[in-house]
């Protein structure tokens, strides 16, 4: 998983791609958790937090550009 420092260093396009991949992974993990057992159940929470971090960073960038 990427830390907040690593996420801040990414461009907007890289963040969007990472977000898309994380959402796709979260969906497959949720489906798998309903049908089978996950090998590492804590991955669901990690993935959700990664998505939240990316969305927070995107919102911060939008606010900075709107204010500046």
N, C-alpha and C. Protein backbone atom coordinates (compact mmCIF):
# COMPACT_ATOMS: atom_id res chain seq x y z
N UNK A 1 0.83 -1.18 0.00
CA UNK A 1 0.00 0.00 0.00
C UNK A 1 0.87 1.24 0.00
N UNK A 2 0.37 2.26 -0.62
CA UNK A 2 1.11 3.51 -0.72
C UNK A 2 0.84 4.37 0.51
N UNK A 3 1.89 4.99 1.02
CA UNK A 3 1.73 5.89 2.15
C UNK A 3 1.24 7.24 1.64
N UNK A 4 0.83 8.08 2.54
CA UNK A 4 0.32 9.39 2.15
C UNK A 4 1.42 10.19 1.46
N UNK A 5 2.65 10.03 1.90
CA UNK A 5 3.78 10.74 1.28
C UNK A 5 3.94 10.30 -0.18
N UNK A 6 3.85 9.02 -0.42
CA UNK A 6 3.96 8.51 -1.78
C UNK A 6 2.79 8.99 -2.64
N UNK A 7 1.61 9.05 -2.06
CA UNK A 7 0.43 9.51 -2.80
C UNK A 7 0.56 10.98 -3.17
N UNK A 8 1.12 11.78 -2.26
CA UNK A 8 1.28 13.21 -2.53
C UNK A 8 2.26 13.45 -3.68
N UNK A 9 3.22 12.55 -3.86
CA UNK A 9 4.20 12.70 -4.93
C UNK A 9 3.63 12.32 -6.30
N UNK A 10 2.49 11.66 -6.33
CA UNK A 10 1.89 11.23 -7.60
C UNK A 10 1.21 12.39 -8.31
N UNK A 11 1.12 12.28 -9.62
CA UNK A 11 0.38 13.27 -10.40
C UNK A 11 -1.12 12.95 -10.31
N UNK A 12 -1.92 13.86 -10.82
CA UNK A 12 -3.37 13.66 -10.80
C UNK A 12 -3.78 12.41 -11.58
N UNK A 13 -3.12 12.19 -12.72
CA UNK A 13 -3.43 11.02 -13.55
C UNK A 13 -3.05 9.72 -12.84
N UNK A 14 -1.91 9.74 -12.17
CA UNK A 14 -1.49 8.55 -11.43
C UNK A 14 -2.44 8.26 -10.28
N UNK A 15 -2.89 9.31 -9.60
CA UNK A 15 -3.84 9.13 -8.50
C UNK A 15 -5.15 8.54 -9.01
N UNK A 16 -5.62 9.04 -10.13
CA UNK A 16 -6.87 8.53 -10.70
C UNK A 16 -6.74 7.06 -11.07
N UNK A 17 -5.60 6.69 -11.64
CA UNK A 17 -5.37 5.30 -12.01
C UNK A 17 -5.28 4.41 -10.77
N UNK A 18 -4.62 4.90 -9.74
CA UNK A 18 -4.50 4.14 -8.50
C UNK A 18 -5.87 3.97 -7.84
N UNK A 19 -6.67 5.04 -7.89
CA UNK A 19 -8.02 4.97 -7.33
C UNK A 19 -8.87 3.95 -8.07
N UNK A 20 -8.80 3.97 -9.38
CA UNK A 20 -9.58 3.03 -10.18
C UNK A 20 -9.18 1.59 -9.86
N UNK A 21 -7.89 1.35 -9.77
CA UNK A 21 -7.39 0.00 -9.46
C UNK A 21 -7.82 -0.43 -8.05
N UNK A 22 -7.74 0.50 -7.09
CA UNK A 22 -8.13 0.18 -5.72
C UNK A 22 -9.62 -0.13 -5.63
N UNK A 23 -10.44 0.61 -6.35
CA UNK A 23 -11.88 0.35 -6.35
C UNK A 23 -12.19 -1.01 -6.97
N UNK A 24 -11.48 -1.32 -8.04
CA UNK A 24 -11.67 -2.62 -8.69
C UNK A 24 -11.28 -3.76 -7.74
N UNK A 25 -10.16 -3.58 -7.07
CA UNK A 25 -9.68 -4.59 -6.12
C UNK A 25 -10.65 -4.76 -4.96
N UNK A 26 -11.16 -3.63 -4.45
CA UNK A 26 -12.12 -3.68 -3.34
C UNK A 26 -13.37 -4.44 -3.75
N UNK A 27 -13.86 -4.19 -4.95
CA UNK A 27 -15.05 -4.89 -5.43
C UNK A 27 -14.81 -6.40 -5.48
N UNK A 28 -13.69 -6.80 -6.07
CA UNK A 28 -13.42 -8.24 -6.16
C UNK A 28 -13.24 -8.86 -4.79
N UNK A 29 -12.65 -8.12 -3.87
CA UNK A 29 -12.47 -8.64 -2.51
C UNK A 29 -13.80 -8.80 -1.80
N UNK A 30 -14.71 -7.84 -2.01
CA UNK A 30 -16.03 -7.94 -1.39
C UNK A 30 -16.80 -9.14 -1.93
N UNK A 31 -16.73 -9.34 -3.22
CA UNK A 31 -17.41 -10.50 -3.82
C UNK A 31 -16.80 -11.79 -3.28
N UNK A 32 -15.49 -11.83 -3.23
CA UNK A 32 -14.80 -13.02 -2.74
C UNK A 32 -15.11 -13.27 -1.27
N UNK A 33 -15.26 -12.20 -0.49
CA UNK A 33 -15.56 -12.40 0.93
C UNK A 33 -16.96 -12.96 1.14
N UNK A 34 -17.85 -12.69 0.19
CA UNK A 34 -19.20 -13.23 0.30
C UNK A 34 -19.29 -14.68 -0.18
N UNK A 35 -18.45 -15.04 -1.11
CA UNK A 35 -18.51 -16.39 -1.66
C UNK A 35 -17.51 -17.34 -1.01
N UNK A 36 -16.31 -16.85 -0.73
CA UNK A 36 -15.26 -17.66 -0.11
C UNK A 36 -14.73 -16.93 1.11
N UNK A 37 -13.68 -17.50 1.64
CA UNK A 37 -12.99 -16.84 2.73
C UNK A 37 -11.79 -16.11 2.16
N UNK A 38 -11.55 -14.91 2.67
CA UNK A 38 -10.38 -14.15 2.25
C UNK A 38 -9.16 -14.67 3.01
N UNK A 39 -8.02 -14.69 2.34
CA UNK A 39 -6.79 -15.12 3.00
C UNK A 39 -6.38 -14.11 4.06
N UNK A 40 -6.52 -12.82 3.74
CA UNK A 40 -6.17 -11.75 4.67
C UNK A 40 -7.36 -10.79 4.77
N UNK A 41 -8.25 -11.00 5.74
CA UNK A 41 -9.44 -10.16 5.84
C UNK A 41 -9.14 -8.68 6.09
N UNK A 42 -8.00 -8.38 6.69
CA UNK A 42 -7.65 -6.98 6.96
C UNK A 42 -7.35 -6.20 5.69
N UNK A 43 -7.16 -6.90 4.57
CA UNK A 43 -6.92 -6.22 3.30
C UNK A 43 -8.12 -5.37 2.89
N UNK A 44 -9.32 -5.79 3.26
CA UNK A 44 -10.51 -4.99 2.95
C UNK A 44 -10.40 -3.59 3.57
N UNK A 45 -10.05 -3.56 4.85
CA UNK A 45 -9.93 -2.27 5.54
C UNK A 45 -8.78 -1.45 4.97
N UNK A 46 -7.67 -2.08 4.66
CA UNK A 46 -6.54 -1.36 4.09
C UNK A 46 -6.91 -0.73 2.76
N UNK A 47 -7.64 -1.49 1.96
CA UNK A 47 -8.03 -0.99 0.65
C UNK A 47 -9.03 0.16 0.78
N UNK A 48 -9.96 0.04 1.69
CA UNK A 48 -10.92 1.13 1.92
C UNK A 48 -10.22 2.40 2.37
N UNK A 49 -9.22 2.25 3.24
CA UNK A 49 -8.48 3.41 3.73
C UNK A 49 -7.65 4.04 2.62
N UNK A 50 -7.10 3.21 1.74
CA UNK A 50 -6.34 3.74 0.61
C UNK A 50 -7.25 4.58 -0.28
N UNK A 51 -8.45 4.08 -0.56
CA UNK A 51 -9.41 4.82 -1.37
C UNK A 51 -9.76 6.14 -0.70
N UNK A 52 -9.97 6.12 0.60
CA UNK A 52 -10.29 7.35 1.33
C UNK A 52 -9.14 8.35 1.27
N UNK A 53 -7.91 7.86 1.41
CA UNK A 53 -6.75 8.75 1.34
C UNK A 53 -6.64 9.42 -0.03
N UNK A 54 -6.85 8.62 -1.07
CA UNK A 54 -6.74 9.17 -2.43
C UNK A 54 -7.82 10.22 -2.67
N UNK A 55 -9.05 9.92 -2.26
CA UNK A 55 -10.14 10.88 -2.46
C UNK A 55 -9.91 12.15 -1.64
N UNK A 56 -9.37 12.02 -0.44
CA UNK A 56 -9.05 13.18 0.38
C UNK A 56 -8.01 14.04 -0.31
N UNK A 57 -6.98 13.42 -0.82
CA UNK A 57 -5.92 14.14 -1.51
C UNK A 57 -6.45 14.84 -2.77
N UNK A 58 -7.31 14.16 -3.52
CA UNK A 58 -7.90 14.78 -4.70
C UNK A 58 -8.74 15.99 -4.32
N UNK A 59 -9.50 15.90 -3.24
CA UNK A 59 -10.32 17.01 -2.78
C UNK A 59 -9.45 18.18 -2.36
N UNK A 60 -8.34 17.90 -1.65
CA UNK A 60 -7.42 18.95 -1.24
C UNK A 60 -6.86 19.68 -2.46
N UNK A 61 -6.49 18.94 -3.48
CA UNK A 61 -5.93 19.54 -4.68
C UNK A 61 -6.95 20.41 -5.41
N UNK A 62 -8.19 19.98 -5.43
CA UNK A 62 -9.24 20.77 -6.08
C UNK A 62 -9.45 22.07 -5.31
N UNK A 63 -9.46 22.01 -3.98
CA UNK A 63 -9.66 23.20 -3.17
C UNK A 63 -8.50 24.18 -3.33
N UNK A 64 -7.28 23.65 -3.43
CA UNK A 64 -6.11 24.52 -3.59
C UNK A 64 -6.16 25.25 -4.93
N UNK A 65 -6.51 24.52 -5.98
CA UNK A 65 -6.57 25.16 -7.30
C UNK A 65 -7.72 26.15 -7.39
N UNK A 66 -8.82 25.88 -6.69
CA UNK A 66 -9.96 26.81 -6.71
C UNK A 66 -9.65 28.08 -5.92
N UNK A 67 -8.91 27.94 -4.83
CA UNK A 67 -8.59 29.08 -3.99
C UNK A 67 -7.42 29.88 -4.55
N UNK A 68 -6.51 29.20 -5.23
CA UNK A 68 -5.27 29.85 -5.66
C UNK A 68 -5.34 30.43 -6.96
